[in-house]
């Protein structure tokens, strides 16, 4: 079982109760604060808990789950995840969601995302990792910049959020850049 311990957070494969908690935050929470930042331009239909659980069984690499839950003092607050854009060119997209707004701006997301990207590079031969967001999500952009990611593409006014247009932003880091930061 994958477990990655940081100073403030623990990343691990999700237990059933973690999945139930994340399902609540993603689909049943009345405020849905995280959705205002995490892809608010993507319409998402509610799926069953059983289908949601099946997503947690996916691997991106042998022995490397596609997602890990973020725990703080045993409480599930969000998750880190990844998905393939193109396996042939080693293009993996990564991301993070902190659902519980009580844990925003406390360094939890930065630490979790750094642990996740480090873990992926340490346990694979991937050439690059990327992430996508909209220009309105300044916190995510700052987290990516802290990890050494560079802006690679900006598609102007490609995302409409509540009647306001934002740029789509793609950022990434190459293995050699990550290696340099680690040394």
Foldseek 3Di string as FASTA:
>chain_A
DDWDDDPFKIWAQDDLVLLVVQLCLCPPDPVVVQCLFFPVQDDDDRDDSVVSVVQSPDAPDVVHTQKTFIDGPRHGQWIKGWDDPDVVQLEIEIDITGSPPVPPPPCSVLRRVLRVVVVVVVVDVRFKYKYKGWPVNVVRVVSCVVQVKDWDDWAFQPGAHPNDGTIITMIMDGSVSNVVVVD
